[in-house]
């Protein structure tokens, strides 16, 4: 996949993941792209470690699902790390 394909694929995967994880923080297009691309890479590494086979990302539903799952995991980790403690007034 070309680098333009990675950007488009990442933007779509990051956008879908941000729709699922609603933590009250607005995310922009660039953040969605980076989340989707990094999530796809993360999921590819996890897939390769679990199965021992390399994951070949292409334009198909399986790759999109893996990219969205990776972006979801990444968003959940980010929201756990950056969560603010509840302040009672």
PDB file of N, CA and C in Angstrom:
ATOM      1  N   UNK A   1       0.856  -1.164   0.000  1.00  0.00           N
ATOM      2  CA  UNK A   1       0.000   0.000   0.000  1.00  0.00           C
ATOM      3  C   UNK A   1       0.907   1.233   0.000  1.00  0.00           C
ATOM      4  N   UNK A   2       0.569   2.226  -0.764  1.00  0.00           N
ATOM      5  CA  UNK A   2       1.372   3.444  -0.832  1.00  0.00           C
ATOM      6  C   UNK A   2       1.149   4.296   0.418  1.00  0.00           C
ATOM      7  N   UNK A   3       1.973   5.314   0.575  1.00  0.00           N
ATOM      8  CA  UNK A   3       1.840   6.162   1.755  1.00  0.00           C
ATOM      9  C   UNK A   3       0.540   6.952   1.712  1.00  0.00           C
ATOM     10  N   UNK A   4       0.043   7.278   0.536  1.00  0.00           N
ATOM     11  CA  UNK A   4      -1.266   7.948   0.444  1.00  0.00           C
ATOM     12  C   UNK A   4      -2.372   6.983   0.871  1.00  0.00           C
ATOM     13  N   UNK A   5      -2.219   5.727   0.477  1.00  0.00           N
ATOM     14  CA  UNK A   5      -3.180   4.710   0.913  1.00  0.00           C
ATOM     15  C   UNK A   5      -3.186   4.541   2.417  1.00  0.00           C
ATOM     16  N   UNK A   6      -1.983   4.563   3.045  1.00  0.00           N
ATOM     17  CA  UNK A   6      -1.897   4.464   4.498  1.00  0.00           C
ATOM     18  C   UNK A   6      -2.591   5.641   5.171  1.00  0.00           C
ATOM     19  N   UNK A   7      -2.449   6.841   4.599  1.00  0.00           N
ATOM     20  CA  UNK A   7      -3.083   8.017   5.187  1.00  0.00           C
ATOM     21  C   UNK A   7      -4.606   7.903   5.110  1.00  0.00           C
ATOM     22  N   UNK A   8      -5.115   7.529   3.947  1.00  0.00           N
ATOM     23  CA  UNK A   8      -6.574   7.404   3.781  1.00  0.00           C
ATOM     24  C   UNK A   8      -7.113   6.272   4.648  1.00  0.00           C
ATOM     25  N   UNK A   9      -6.422   5.129   4.617  1.00  0.00           N
ATOM     26  CA  UNK A   9      -6.828   3.969   5.404  1.00  0.00           C
ATOM     27  C   UNK A   9      -6.795   4.299   6.894  1.00  0.00           C
ATOM     28  N   UNK A  10      -5.721   4.967   7.337  1.00  0.00           N
ATOM     29  CA  UNK A  10      -5.603   5.364   8.740  1.00  0.00           C
ATOM     30  C   UNK A  10      -6.648   6.358   9.159  1.00  0.00           C
ATOM     31  N   UNK A  11      -6.956   7.309   8.261  1.00  0.00           N
ATOM     32  CA  UNK A  11      -7.985   8.307   8.587  1.00  0.00           C
ATOM     33  C   UNK A  11      -9.335   7.640   8.783  1.00  0.00           C
ATOM     34  N   UNK A  12      -9.669   6.708   7.909  1.00  0.00           N
ATOM     35  CA  UNK A  12     -10.952   5.997   8.044  1.00  0.00           C
ATOM     36  C   UNK A  12     -10.994   5.146   9.310  1.00  0.00           C
ATOM     37  N   UNK A  13      -9.928   4.398   9.565  1.00  0.00           N
ATOM     38  CA  UNK A  13      -9.890   3.542  10.759  1.00  0.00           C
ATOM     39  C   UNK A  13      -9.909   4.374  12.033  1.00  0.00           C
ATOM     40  N   UNK A  14      -9.159   5.465  12.068  1.00  0.00           N
ATOM     41  CA  UNK A  14      -9.149   6.343  13.241  1.00  0.00           C
ATOM     42  C   UNK A  14     -10.482   7.013  13.468  1.00  0.00           C
ATOM     43  N   UNK A  15     -11.153   7.406  12.374  1.00  0.00           N
ATOM     44  CA  UNK A  15     -12.469   8.036  12.491  1.00  0.00           C
ATOM     45  C   UNK A  15     -13.492   7.063  13.069  1.00  0.00           C
ATOM     46  N   UNK A  16     -13.488   5.824  12.560  1.00  0.00           N
ATOM     47  CA  UNK A  16     -14.430   4.813  13.078  1.00  0.00           C
ATOM     48  C   UNK A  16     -14.136   4.531  14.551  1.00  0.00           C
ATOM     49  N   UNK A  17     -12.853   4.421  14.898  1.00  0.00           N
ATOM     50  CA  UNK A  17     -12.492   4.157  16.290  1.00  0.00           C
ATOM     51  C   UNK A  17     -12.905   5.313  17.196  1.00  0.00           C
ATOM     52  N   UNK A  18     -12.771   6.561  16.711  1.00  0.00           N
ATOM     53  CA  UNK A  18     -13.165   7.693  17.554  1.00  0.00           C
ATOM     54  C   UNK A  18     -14.676   7.776  17.707  1.00  0.00           C
ATOM     55  N   UNK A  19     -15.434   7.233  16.749  1.00  0.00           N
ATOM     56  CA  UNK A  19     -16.889   7.175  16.906  1.00  0.00           C
ATOM     57  C   UNK A  19     -17.287   6.167  17.979  1.00  0.00           C
ATOM     58  N   UNK A  20     -16.515   5.088  18.096  1.00  0.00           N
ATOM     59  CA  UNK A  20     -16.815   4.042  19.081  1.00  0.00           C
ATOM     60  C   UNK A  20     -16.407   4.497  20.474  1.00  0.00           C
ATOM     61  N   UNK A  21     -15.216   5.060  20.603  1.00  0.00           N
ATOM     62  CA  UNK A  21     -14.706   5.505  21.903  1.00  0.00           C
ATOM     63  C   UNK A  21     -15.104   6.966  22.074  1.00  0.00           C
ATOM     64  N   UNK A  22     -16.141   7.193  22.799  1.00  0.00           N
ATOM     65  CA  UNK A  22     -16.613   8.556  23.068  1.00  0.00           C
ATOM     66  C   UNK A  22     -16.182   8.945  24.470  1.00  0.00           C
ATOM     67  N   UNK A  23     -15.071   9.669  24.571  1.00  0.00           N
ATOM     68  CA  UNK A  23     -14.613  10.081  25.894  1.00  0.00           C
ATOM     69  C   UNK A  23     -14.783  11.577  26.137  1.00  0.00           C
ATOM     70  N   UNK A  24     -15.548  12.244  25.279  1.00  0.00           N
ATOM     71  CA  UNK A  24     -15.840  13.648  25.476  1.00  0.00           C
ATOM     72  C   UNK A  24     -14.778  14.587  24.949  1.00  0.00           C
ATOM     73  N   UNK A  25     -13.735  14.052  24.355  1.00  0.00           N
ATOM     74  CA  UNK A  25     -12.677  14.898  23.803  1.00  0.00           C
ATOM     75  C   UNK A  25     -12.813  14.952  22.294  1.00  0.00           C
ATOM     76  N   UNK A  26     -12.872  16.147  21.748  1.00  0.00           N
ATOM     77  CA  UNK A  26     -12.928  16.238  20.285  1.00  0.00           C
ATOM     78  C   UNK A  26     -11.580  15.884  19.676  1.00  0.00           C
ATOM     79  N   UNK A  27     -11.613  15.133  18.597  1.00  0.00           N
ATOM     80  CA  UNK A  27     -10.393  14.767  17.891  1.00  0.00           C
ATOM     81  C   UNK A  27     -10.501  15.260  16.459  1.00  0.00           C
ATOM     82  N   UNK A  28      -9.422  15.781  15.961  1.00  0.00           N
ATOM     83  CA  UNK A  28      -9.406  16.307  14.609  1.00  0.00           C
ATOM     84  C   UNK A  28      -9.002  15.257  13.590  1.00  0.00           C
ATOM     85  N   UNK A  29      -8.956  15.675  12.354  1.00  0.00           N
ATOM     86  CA  UNK A  29      -8.635  14.779  11.243  1.00  0.00           C
ATOM     87  C   UNK A  29      -7.211  14.230  11.365  1.00  0.00           C
ATOM     88  N   UNK A  30      -6.257  15.088  11.714  1.00  0.00           N
ATOM     89  CA  UNK A  30      -4.863  14.648  11.836  1.00  0.00           C
ATOM     90  C   UNK A  30      -4.727  13.634  12.965  1.00  0.00           C
ATOM     91  N   UNK A  31      -5.381  13.883  14.086  1.00  0.00           N
ATOM     92  CA  UNK A  31      -5.334  12.945  15.207  1.00  0.00           C
ATOM     93  C   UNK A  31      -5.954  11.611  14.812  1.00  0.00           C
ATOM     94  N   UNK A  32      -7.064  11.635  14.092  1.00  0.00           N
ATOM     95  CA  UNK A  32      -7.684  10.400  13.632  1.00  0.00           C
ATOM     96  C   UNK A  32      -6.768   9.638  12.685  1.00  0.00           C
ATOM     97  N   UNK A  33      -6.087  10.352  11.780  1.00  0.00           N
ATOM     98  CA  UNK A  33      -5.165   9.688  10.861  1.00  0.00           C
ATOM     99  C   UNK A  33      -4.022   9.024  11.605  1.00  0.00           C
ATOM    100  N   UNK A  34      -3.412   9.769  12.512  1.00  0.00           N
ATOM    101  CA  UNK A  34      -2.288   9.208  13.262  1.00  0.00           C
ATOM    102  C   UNK A  34      -2.725   8.033  14.129  1.00  0.00           C
ATOM    103  N   UNK A  35      -3.885   8.151  14.756  1.00  0.00           N
ATOM    104  CA  UNK A  35      -4.404   7.063  15.581  1.00  0.00           C
ATOM    105  C   UNK A  35      -4.674   5.825  14.732  1.00  0.00           C
ATOM    106  N   UNK A  36      -5.268   6.014  13.573  1.00  0.00           N
ATOM    107  CA  UNK A  36      -5.562   4.893  12.698  1.00  0.00           C
ATOM    108  C   UNK A  36      -4.310   4.217  12.164  1.00  0.00           C
ATOM    109  N   UNK A  37      -3.325   5.023  11.738  1.00  0.00           N
ATOM    110  CA  UNK A  37      -2.086   4.457  11.206  1.00  0.00           C
ATOM    111  C   UNK A  37      -1.315   3.739  12.299  1.00  0.00           C
ATOM    112  N   UNK A  38      -1.142   4.389  13.452  1.00  0.00           N
ATOM    113  CA  UNK A  38      -0.428   3.745  14.559  1.00  0.00           C
ATOM    114  C   UNK A  38      -1.187   2.529  15.084  1.00  0.00           C
ATOM    115  N   UNK A  39      -2.511   2.615  15.099  1.00  0.00           N
ATOM    116  CA  UNK A  39      -3.318   1.475  15.531  1.00  0.00           C
ATOM    117  C   UNK A  39      -3.182   0.300  14.585  1.00  0.00           C
ATOM    118  N   UNK A  40      -3.113   0.572  13.281  1.00  0.00           N
ATOM    119  CA  UNK A  40      -2.931  -0.498  12.299  1.00  0.00           C
ATOM    120  C   UNK A  40      -1.570  -1.158  12.461  1.00  0.00           C
ATOM    121  N   UNK A  41      -0.544  -0.343  12.694  1.00  0.00           N
ATOM    122  CA  UNK A  41       0.797  -0.899  12.914  1.00  0.00           C
ATOM    123  C   UNK A  41       0.820  -1.724  14.197  1.00  0.00           C
ATOM    124  N   UNK A  42       0.224  -1.197  15.260  1.00  0.00           N
ATOM    125  CA  UNK A  42       0.155  -1.911  16.538  1.00  0.00           C
ATOM    126  C   UNK A  42      -0.571  -3.241  16.381  1.00  0.00           C
ATOM    127  N   UNK A  43      -1.700  -3.220  15.706  1.00  0.00           N
ATOM    128  CA  UNK A  43      -2.468  -4.454  15.502  1.00  0.00           C
ATOM    129  C   UNK A  43      -1.710  -5.437  14.631  1.00  0.00           C
ATOM    130  N   UNK A  44      -0.963  -4.938  13.645  1.00  0.00           N
ATOM    131  CA  UNK A  44      -0.147  -5.815  12.813  1.00  0.00           C
ATOM    132  C   UNK A  44       0.931  -6.512  13.614  1.00  0.00           C
ATOM    133  N   UNK A  45       1.578  -5.772  14.531  1.00  0.00           N
ATOM    134  CA  UNK A  45       2.581  -6.389  15.397  1.00  0.00           C
ATOM    135  C   UNK A  45       1.959  -7.426  16.325  1.00  0.00           C
ATOM    136  N   UNK A  46       0.802  -7.111  16.877  1.00  0.00           N
ATOM    137  CA  UNK A  46       0.124  -8.058  17.768  1.00  0.00           C
ATOM    138  C   UNK A  46      -0.283  -9.317  17.001  1.00  0.00           C
ATOM    139  N   UNK A  47      -0.806  -9.136  15.791  1.00  0.00           N
ATOM    140  CA  UNK A  47      -1.196 -10.276  14.965  1.00  0.00           C
ATOM    141  C   UNK A  47       0.015 -11.150  14.653  1.00  0.00           C
ATOM    142  N   UNK A  48       1.125 -10.513  14.286  1.00  0.00           N
ATOM    143  CA  UNK A  48       2.326 -11.268  13.944  1.00  0.00           C
ATOM    144  C   UNK A  48       2.881 -11.999  15.164  1.00  0.00           C
ATOM    145  N   UNK A  49       2.845 -11.372  16.329  1.00  0.00           N
ATOM    146  CA  UNK A  49       3.336 -12.022  17.543  1.00  0.00           C
ATOM    147  C   UNK A  49       2.439 -13.190  17.952  1.00  0.00           C
ATOM    148  N   UNK A  50       1.137 -13.058  17.729  1.00  0.00           N
ATOM    149  CA  UNK A  50       0.202 -14.113  18.146  1.00  0.00           C
ATOM    150  C   UNK A  50       0.212 -15.303  17.198  1.00  0.00           C
ATOM    151  N   UNK A  51       0.359 -15.045  15.897  1.00  0.00           N
ATOM    152  CA  UNK A  51       0.255 -16.137  14.929  1.00  0.00           C
ATOM    153  C   UNK A  51       1.579 -16.559  14.322  1.00  0.00           C
ATOM    154  N   UNK A  52       2.582 -15.703  14.383  1.00  0.00           N
ATOM    155  CA  UNK A  52       3.861 -16.010  13.762  1.00  0.00           C
ATOM    156  C   UNK A  52       3.881 -15.741  12.263  1.00  0.00           C
ATOM    157  N   UNK A  53       2.788 -15.257  11.721  1.00  0.00           N
ATOM    158  CA  UNK A  53       2.698 -14.937  10.298  1.00  0.00           C
ATOM    159  C   UNK A  53       2.604 -13.427  10.122  1.00  0.00           C
ATOM    160  N   UNK A  54       3.272 -12.876   9.126  1.00  0.00           N
ATOM    161  CA  UNK A  54       3.151 -11.427   8.903  1.00  0.00           C
ATOM    162  C   UNK A  54       1.781 -11.069   8.346  1.00  0.00           C
ATOM    163  N   UNK A  55       1.268  -9.925   8.761  1.00  0.00           N
ATOM    164  CA  UNK A  55      -0.023  -9.445   8.271  1.00  0.00           C
ATOM    165  C   UNK A  55       0.243  -8.523   7.087  1.00  0.00           C
ATOM    166  N   UNK A  56      -0.391  -8.810   5.970  1.00  0.00           N
ATOM    167  CA  UNK A  56      -0.239  -7.997   4.773  1.00  0.00           C
ATOM    168  C   UNK A  56      -1.438  -7.070   4.672  1.00  0.00           C
ATOM    169  N   UNK A  57      -1.217  -5.783   4.952  1.00  0.00           N
ATOM    170  CA  UNK A  57      -2.314  -4.830   4.900  1.00  0.00           C
ATOM    171  C   UNK A  57      -2.633  -4.485   3.460  1.00  0.00           C
ATOM    172  N   UNK A  58      -3.865  -4.650   3.098  1.00  0.00           N
ATOM    173  CA  UNK A  58      -4.358  -4.288   1.783  1.00  0.00           C
ATOM    174  C   UNK A  58      -5.704  -3.612   1.939  1.00  0.00           C
ATOM    175  N   UNK A  59      -6.323  -3.306   0.845  1.00  0.00           N
ATOM    176  CA  UNK A  59      -7.638  -2.668   0.877  1.00  0.00           C
ATOM    177  C   UNK A  59      -8.715  -3.746   0.932  1.00  0.00           C
ATOM    178  N   UNK A  60      -8.930  -4.316   2.108  1.00  0.00           N
ATOM    179  CA  UNK A  60      -9.990  -5.296   2.286  1.00  0.00           C
ATOM    180  C   UNK A  60     -10.593  -5.125   3.682  1.00  0.00           C
ATOM    181  N   UNK A  61     -11.711  -5.811   3.909  1.00  0.00           N
ATOM    182  CA  UNK A  61     -12.439  -5.656   5.177  1.00  0.00           C
ATOM    183  C   UNK A  61     -11.655  -6.191   6.361  1.00  0.00           C
ATOM    184  N   UNK A  62     -10.909  -7.270   6.161  1.00  0.00           N
ATOM    185  CA  UNK A  62     -10.135  -7.833   7.268  1.00  0.00           C
ATOM    186  C   UNK A  62      -9.063  -6.850   7.738  1.00  0.00           C
ATOM    187  N   UNK A  63      -8.354  -6.232   6.809  1.00  0.00           N
ATOM    188  CA  UNK A  63      -7.339  -5.247   7.180  1.00  0.00           C
ATOM    189  C   UNK A  63      -7.966  -4.033   7.844  1.00  0.00           C
ATOM    190  N   UNK A  64      -9.117  -3.608   7.340  1.00  0.00           N
ATOM    191  CA  UNK A  64      -9.802  -2.475   7.945  1.00  0.00           C
ATOM    192  C   UNK A  64     -10.231  -2.810   9.368  1.00  0.00           C
ATOM    193  N   UNK A  65     -10.749  -4.013   9.587  1.00  0.00           N
ATOM    194  CA  UNK A  65     -11.143  -4.431  10.929  1.00  0.00           C
ATOM    195  C   UNK A  65      -9.967  -4.482  11.880  1.00  0.00           C
ATOM    196  N   UNK A  66      -8.843  -5.001  11.413  1.00  0.00           N
ATOM    197  CA  UNK A  66      -7.638  -5.052  12.248  1.00  0.00           C
ATOM    198  C   UNK A  66      -7.164  -3.641  12.571  1.00  0.00           C
ATOM    199  N   UNK A  67      -7.192  -2.745  11.587  1.00  0.00           N
ATOM    200  CA  UNK A  67      -6.768  -1.368  11.810  1.00  0.00           C
ATOM    201  C   UNK A  67      -7.685  -0.662  12.811  1.00  0.00           C
ATOM    202  N   UNK A  68      -8.983  -0.886  12.701  1.00  0.00           N
ATOM    203  CA  UNK A  68      -9.928  -0.263  13.637  1.00  0.00           C
ATOM    204  C   UNK A  68      -9.723  -0.828  15.043  1.00  0.00           C
ATOM    205  N   UNK A  69      -9.525  -2.134  15.159  1.00  0.00           N
ATOM    206  CA  UNK A  69      -9.277  -2.717  16.483  1.00  0.00           C
ATOM    207  C   UNK A  69      -7.999  -2.166  17.097  1.00  0.00           C
ATOM    208  N   UNK A  70      -6.961  -2.035  16.300  1.00  0.00           N
ATOM    209  CA  UNK A  70      -5.724  -1.450  16.801  1.00  0.00           C
ATOM    210  C   UNK A  70      -5.905  -0.008  17.227  1.00  0.00           C
ATOM    211  N   UNK A  71      -6.666   0.759  16.448  1.00  0.00           N
ATOM    212  CA  UNK A  71      -6.936   2.151  16.802  1.00  0.00           C
ATOM    213  C   UNK A  71      -7.787   2.235  18.069  1.00  0.00           C
ATOM    214  N   UNK A  72      -8.725   1.312  18.230  1.00  0.00           N
ATOM    215  CA  UNK A  72      -9.536   1.279  19.460  1.00  0.00           C
ATOM    216  C   UNK A  72      -8.659   1.018  20.678  1.00  0.00           C
ATOM    217  N   UNK A  73      -7.780   0.039  20.574  1.00  0.00           N
ATOM    218  CA  UNK A  73      -6.872  -0.263  21.690  1.00  0.00           C
ATOM    219  C   UNK A  73      -6.011   0.955  21.993  1.00  0.00           C
ATOM    220  N   UNK A  74      -5.495   1.586  20.962  1.00  0.00           N
ATOM    221  CA  UNK A  74      -4.656   2.763  21.159  1.00  0.00           C
ATOM    222  C   UNK A  74      -5.440   3.899  21.803  1.00  0.00           C
ATOM    223  N   UNK A  75      -6.659   4.145  21.370  1.00  0.00           N
ATOM    224  CA  UNK A  75      -7.480   5.203  21.976  1.00  0.00           C
ATOM    225  C   UNK A  75      -7.814   4.896  23.427  1.00  0.00           C
ATOM    226  N   UNK A  76      -8.098   3.629  23.727  1.00  0.00           N
ATOM    227  CA  UNK A  76      -8.392   3.261  25.114  1.00  0.00           C
ATOM    228  C   UNK A  76      -7.171   3.455  26.010  1.00  0.00           C
ATOM    229  N   UNK A  77      -5.993   3.104  25.504  1.00  0.00           N
ATOM    230  CA  UNK A  77      -4.768   3.306  26.273  1.00  0.00           C
ATOM    231  C   UNK A  77      -4.523   4.795  26.493  1.00  0.00           C
ATOM    232  N   UNK A  78      -4.705   5.585  25.448  1.00  0.00           N
ATOM    233  CA  UNK A  78      -4.502   7.036  25.565  1.00  0.00           C
ATOM    234  C   UNK A  78      -5.484   7.638  26.559  1.00  0.00           C
ATOM    235  N   UNK A  79      -6.752   7.227  26.515  1.00  0.00           N
ATOM    236  CA  UNK A  79      -7.716   7.809  27.446  1.00  0.00           C
ATOM    237  C   UNK A  79      -7.492   7.343  28.872  1.00  0.00           C
ATOM    238  N   UNK A  80      -6.935   6.148  29.072  1.00  0.00           N
ATOM    239  CA  UNK A  80      -6.599   5.722  30.434  1.00  0.00           C
ATOM    240  C   UNK A  80      -5.412   6.496  30.984  1.00  0.00           C
ATOM    241  N   UNK A  81      -4.428   6.753  30.132  1.00  0.00           N
ATOM    242  CA  UNK A  81      -3.231   7.459  30.579  1.00  0.00           C
ATOM    243  C   UNK A  81      -3.507   8.936  30.823  1.00  0.00           C
ATOM    244  N   UNK A  82      -4.335   9.541  29.986  1.00  0.00           N
ATOM    245  CA  UNK A  82      -4.566  10.995  30.088  1.00  0.00           C
ATOM    246  C   UNK A  82      -5.832  11.352  30.851  1.00  0.00           C
ATOM    247  N   UNK A  83      -6.451  10.370  31.495  1.00  0.00           N
ATOM    248  CA  UNK A  83      -7.687  10.652  32.231  1.00  0.00           C
ATOM    249  C   UNK A  83      -7.391  11.561  33.411  1.00  0.00           C
ATOM    250  N   UNK A  84      -8.235  12.554  33.567  1.00  0.00           N
ATOM    251  CA  UNK A  84      -8.104  13.475  34.689  1.00  0.00           C
ATOM    252  C   UNK A  84      -8.893  12.946  35.877  1.00  0.00           C
ATOM    253  N   UNK A  85      -8.346  13.081  37.062  1.00  0.00           N
ATOM    254  CA  UNK A  85      -9.118  12.635  38.232  1.00  0.00           C
ATOM    255  C   UNK A  85     -10.340  13.518  38.430  1.00  0.00           C
ATOM    256  N   UNK A  86     -11.387  12.906  38.920  1.00  0.00           N
ATOM    257  CA  UNK A  86     -12.615  13.668  39.187  1.00  0.00           C
ATOM    258  C   UNK A  86     -12.398  14.592  40.353  1.00  0.00           C
ATOM    259  N   UNK A  87     -12.701  15.843  40.143  1.00  0.00           N
ATOM    260  CA  UNK A  87     -12.578  16.810  41.236  1.00  0.00           C
ATOM    261  C   UNK A  87     -13.981  17.110  41.768  1.00  0.00           C
ATOM    262  N   UNK A  88     -14.143  16.946  43.043  1.00  0.00           N
ATOM    263  CA  UNK A  88     -15.447  17.201  43.673  1.00  0.00           C
ATOM    264  C   UNK A  88     -15.435  18.612  44.247  1.00  0.00           C
ATOM    265  N   UNK A  89     -16.475  19.357  43.954  1.00  0.00           N
ATOM    266  CA  UNK A  89     -16.570  20.726  44.465  1.00  0.00           C
ATOM    267  C   UNK A  89     -17.740  20.860  45.361  1.00  0.00           C
TER     268      UNK A  89
END
